[in-house]
N, C-alpha and C. Protein backbone atom coordinates (compact mmCIF):
# COMPACT_ATOMS: atom_id res chain seq x y z
N MET A 1 102.83 198.77 71.95
CA MET A 1 102.83 198.74 73.40
C MET A 1 101.47 198.28 73.94
N GLY A 2 100.42 198.32 73.19
CA GLY A 2 99.12 197.94 73.64
C GLY A 2 99.02 196.46 73.94
N ASP A 3 99.92 195.64 73.37
CA ASP A 3 99.89 194.20 73.63
C ASP A 3 100.71 193.81 74.88
N SER A 4 101.45 194.71 75.42
CA SER A 4 102.30 194.39 76.58
C SER A 4 101.41 194.08 77.75
N GLN A 5 101.88 193.22 78.63
CA GLN A 5 101.18 192.94 79.83
C GLN A 5 102.10 193.19 81.07
N VAL A 6 101.54 193.46 82.15
CA VAL A 6 102.27 193.71 83.38
C VAL A 6 101.75 192.64 84.41
N THR A 7 102.72 192.04 85.07
CA THR A 7 102.43 191.06 86.11
C THR A 7 102.68 191.70 87.48
N ILE A 8 101.71 191.59 88.36
CA ILE A 8 101.82 192.07 89.71
C ILE A 8 101.73 190.88 90.62
N LYS A 9 102.68 190.76 91.53
CA LYS A 9 102.66 189.67 92.53
C LYS A 9 102.27 190.26 93.87
N LEU A 10 101.32 189.59 94.50
CA LEU A 10 100.88 190.02 95.90
C LEU A 10 100.94 188.79 96.78
N THR A 11 101.16 189.05 98.05
CA THR A 11 101.01 187.97 99.00
C THR A 11 99.51 187.70 99.18
N SER A 12 99.18 186.58 99.77
CA SER A 12 97.73 186.28 99.98
C SER A 12 97.08 187.36 100.92
N ASP A 13 97.82 187.86 101.86
CA ASP A 13 97.28 188.90 102.72
C ASP A 13 97.01 190.18 101.93
N GLU A 14 98.00 190.57 101.11
CA GLU A 14 97.80 191.77 100.27
C GLU A 14 96.64 191.59 99.30
N ALA A 15 96.53 190.45 98.72
CA ALA A 15 95.44 190.19 97.77
C ALA A 15 94.05 190.25 98.49
N LEU A 16 93.98 189.67 99.64
CA LEU A 16 92.75 189.68 100.40
C LEU A 16 92.30 191.10 100.78
N VAL A 17 93.23 191.87 101.32
CA VAL A 17 92.95 193.24 101.73
C VAL A 17 92.60 194.10 100.55
N LEU A 18 93.36 193.98 99.47
CA LEU A 18 93.11 194.76 98.27
C LEU A 18 91.75 194.39 97.65
N SER A 19 91.44 193.11 97.61
CA SER A 19 90.17 192.68 97.07
C SER A 19 89.02 193.34 97.88
N ASP A 20 89.10 193.29 99.13
CA ASP A 20 88.03 193.87 99.99
C ASP A 20 87.91 195.40 99.72
N TRP A 21 89.02 196.06 99.66
CA TRP A 21 89.01 197.51 99.42
C TRP A 21 88.44 197.84 98.03
N LEU A 22 88.82 197.07 96.99
CA LEU A 22 88.32 197.29 95.68
C LEU A 22 86.77 197.10 95.63
N GLU A 23 86.30 196.06 96.36
CA GLU A 23 84.89 195.81 96.40
C GLU A 23 84.16 197.02 97.06
N LYS A 24 84.71 197.53 98.10
CA LYS A 24 84.11 198.73 98.72
C LYS A 24 84.14 199.93 97.80
N LEU A 25 85.26 200.06 97.10
CA LEU A 25 85.42 201.18 96.17
C LEU A 25 84.41 201.09 95.05
N GLN A 26 84.17 199.91 94.53
CA GLN A 26 83.21 199.75 93.43
C GLN A 26 81.79 199.96 93.88
N MET A 27 81.50 199.87 95.16
CA MET A 27 80.13 200.02 95.67
C MET A 27 79.84 201.51 96.07
N THR A 28 80.85 202.37 95.93
CA THR A 28 80.67 203.77 96.29
C THR A 28 80.37 204.58 95.06
N ASP A 29 80.16 205.85 95.20
CA ASP A 29 80.00 206.74 94.11
C ASP A 29 81.41 207.05 93.58
N LEU A 30 81.85 206.21 92.66
CA LEU A 30 83.22 206.24 92.22
C LEU A 30 83.55 207.51 91.43
N SER A 31 82.58 208.19 90.91
CA SER A 31 82.88 209.38 90.15
C SER A 31 83.56 210.44 91.03
N ARG A 32 83.38 210.32 92.31
CA ARG A 32 84.04 211.24 93.27
C ARG A 32 85.51 210.86 93.44
N VAL A 33 85.83 209.58 93.32
CA VAL A 33 87.16 209.12 93.52
C VAL A 33 87.91 208.93 92.24
N VAL A 34 87.27 208.38 91.22
CA VAL A 34 87.88 208.10 89.94
C VAL A 34 87.34 209.06 88.89
N ASP A 35 88.15 210.00 88.48
CA ASP A 35 87.73 211.04 87.57
C ASP A 35 87.93 210.74 86.11
N ASP A 36 88.56 209.60 85.81
CA ASP A 36 88.82 209.25 84.40
C ASP A 36 88.19 207.88 84.12
N PRO A 37 87.22 207.78 83.20
CA PRO A 37 86.57 206.54 82.87
C PRO A 37 87.49 205.46 82.41
N ALA A 38 88.70 205.85 81.90
CA ALA A 38 89.64 204.80 81.44
C ALA A 38 90.16 204.00 82.58
N VAL A 39 90.03 204.44 83.81
CA VAL A 39 90.57 203.77 84.97
C VAL A 39 89.66 202.55 85.30
N TRP A 40 88.40 202.62 84.93
CA TRP A 40 87.46 201.54 85.27
C TRP A 40 87.88 200.17 84.74
N ALA A 41 88.37 200.07 83.53
CA ALA A 41 88.74 198.80 82.95
C ALA A 41 89.76 198.10 83.83
N PRO A 42 90.90 198.71 84.19
CA PRO A 42 91.87 198.03 85.02
C PRO A 42 91.36 197.75 86.43
N ILE A 43 90.55 198.62 87.02
CA ILE A 43 89.99 198.38 88.32
C ILE A 43 89.14 197.12 88.31
N HIS A 44 88.27 197.01 87.32
CA HIS A 44 87.40 195.83 87.20
C HIS A 44 88.20 194.53 86.94
N ARG A 45 89.25 194.66 86.09
CA ARG A 45 90.06 193.51 85.77
C ARG A 45 90.79 193.02 87.00
N ILE A 46 91.42 193.91 87.73
CA ILE A 46 92.14 193.52 88.96
C ILE A 46 91.17 192.90 89.98
N ALA A 47 90.02 193.56 90.17
CA ALA A 47 89.04 193.01 91.12
C ALA A 47 88.57 191.62 90.71
N GLY A 48 88.33 191.43 89.47
CA GLY A 48 87.85 190.14 88.93
C GLY A 48 88.87 189.06 89.10
N THR A 49 90.14 189.42 88.81
CA THR A 49 91.22 188.45 88.95
C THR A 49 91.43 188.09 90.42
N LEU A 50 91.35 189.03 91.30
CA LEU A 50 91.49 188.72 92.73
C LEU A 50 90.33 187.83 93.20
N ASP A 51 89.08 188.15 92.75
CA ASP A 51 87.96 187.38 93.20
C ASP A 51 88.09 185.90 92.69
N LYS A 52 88.63 185.69 91.53
CA LYS A 52 88.78 184.31 91.04
C LYS A 52 89.88 183.55 91.79
N SER A 53 90.92 184.29 92.21
CA SER A 53 92.06 183.60 92.78
C SER A 53 91.98 183.42 94.32
N LEU A 54 91.06 184.15 94.96
CA LEU A 54 90.93 184.03 96.42
C LEU A 54 89.86 183.03 96.81
N ALA A 55 90.30 181.86 97.27
CA ALA A 55 89.37 180.81 97.62
C ALA A 55 88.52 181.10 98.83
N GLY A 56 89.01 181.91 99.74
CA GLY A 56 88.32 182.14 100.99
C GLY A 56 87.29 183.30 100.98
N LEU A 57 86.99 183.86 99.85
CA LEU A 57 86.04 185.02 99.80
C LEU A 57 84.71 184.68 100.39
N PHE A 58 84.23 183.47 100.27
CA PHE A 58 82.92 183.11 100.76
C PHE A 58 82.98 182.18 101.95
N ALA A 59 84.15 182.09 102.55
CA ALA A 59 84.32 181.21 103.74
C ALA A 59 83.54 181.85 104.93
N PRO A 60 83.03 181.00 105.81
CA PRO A 60 82.30 181.52 106.95
C PRO A 60 83.14 182.47 107.84
N ASP A 61 84.46 182.22 107.83
CA ASP A 61 85.32 182.99 108.69
C ASP A 61 86.05 184.12 107.91
N TYR A 62 85.45 184.54 106.81
CA TYR A 62 86.06 185.56 105.97
C TYR A 62 86.45 186.82 106.75
N ASP A 63 85.55 187.33 107.56
CA ASP A 63 85.80 188.53 108.31
C ASP A 63 87.04 188.39 109.22
N GLN A 64 87.17 187.21 109.86
CA GLN A 64 88.32 187.00 110.74
C GLN A 64 89.61 186.89 109.89
N ARG A 65 89.53 186.23 108.75
CA ARG A 65 90.72 186.14 107.85
C ARG A 65 91.13 187.52 107.39
N LEU A 66 90.19 188.32 107.02
CA LEU A 66 90.47 189.68 106.55
C LEU A 66 91.07 190.50 107.61
N GLU A 67 90.53 190.51 108.83
CA GLU A 67 91.10 191.28 109.90
C GLU A 67 92.49 190.81 110.28
N ALA A 68 92.73 189.52 110.22
CA ALA A 68 94.06 188.98 110.53
C ALA A 68 95.09 189.46 109.47
N ALA A 69 94.65 189.44 108.22
CA ALA A 69 95.54 189.92 107.12
C ALA A 69 95.85 191.40 107.31
N ARG A 70 94.82 192.15 107.66
CA ARG A 70 95.06 193.62 107.85
C ARG A 70 96.03 193.86 108.99
N ARG A 71 95.90 193.10 110.08
CA ARG A 71 96.84 193.25 111.21
C ARG A 71 98.28 192.96 110.79
N ARG A 72 98.44 191.90 109.97
CA ARG A 72 99.80 191.49 109.58
C ARG A 72 100.40 192.57 108.63
N LEU A 73 99.56 193.22 107.85
CA LEU A 73 100.05 194.21 106.92
C LEU A 73 100.28 195.62 107.47
N ARG A 74 99.65 195.88 108.56
CA ARG A 74 99.81 197.26 109.13
C ARG A 74 101.23 197.40 109.67
N PRO A 75 101.83 198.58 109.49
CA PRO A 75 103.15 198.79 110.01
C PRO A 75 103.11 198.70 111.54
N GLU A 76 104.13 198.23 112.15
CA GLU A 76 104.22 198.19 113.61
C GLU A 76 104.41 199.57 114.13
N GLU A 77 103.72 199.89 115.19
CA GLU A 77 103.86 201.18 115.81
C GLU A 77 105.12 201.24 116.62
N ASP A 78 105.72 202.43 116.67
CA ASP A 78 106.98 202.60 117.41
C ASP A 78 106.67 202.71 118.88
């Protein structure tokens, strides 16, 4: 089972928002949030994969793109 791989598909909005959140998570005192060191490997792998696949991470309008993606992903209020 160690050789098996899992594929996760995300929309570009989901990938952008998740990438930003993972970046913030990695910059915090993660020992308070992540209590098992085994979790670090997949967190870093996912973050690295997202960073490589998101062309707009260093775009001048990154903040606007991120906020627009967040708005689209938030559930509509009743």
